[in-house]
Amino acid sequence: MTGILYGFYTTKPIELVFELLKAEAQNINYHFEYNHFQDEKSLLFYKSQEMLDYHLNNGYNLDLEGEGCFCVEAKRVNLHGIASLFEFEGKSDFEPYDINLSFDNIFYYVLVVPDIIENSDFCLKIHDMIKRVLALN
């Protein structure tokens, strides 16, 4: 698989998030293709049929304008684990420590973009878009 993956856990239901993402994509002149397989749903976003065809043949990539296809995959999950906390509410002036997580029936979203967000303004814009959508009340 090509592409860079970024994961997000939230209580925001898939239907709501997908509707908000579709509206955001239209604002940047992107189209979408919805897929559903077993318990996973996904939206593949593309700007033109040419971009989509190239993506389907070659994987995630950036075109000459620095844009490309991106995808959001989603499913309902249970999250039981331990995470190391390095930052909380924008503050990082403490020693990292482990926290226990135990959540049932939450939603896991995976954003797939062509490049890491540190290397691509487009990928950073898309990453910020999904973070903004997930933060809406």
Foldseek 3Di string as FASTA:
>chain_A
DAFDKDKDWAQDDPVQLVVLVCVVLVVVQWDWDWDDDDFKIKIKIANDPVLVVCCVVPNADADPVQAHIKMKMKGWAWDWDKDWDQDDPRDRPDDIDIDTDTGHGIMMMMITHRDDVVVGVRVVVVVVSSVVSRPDD
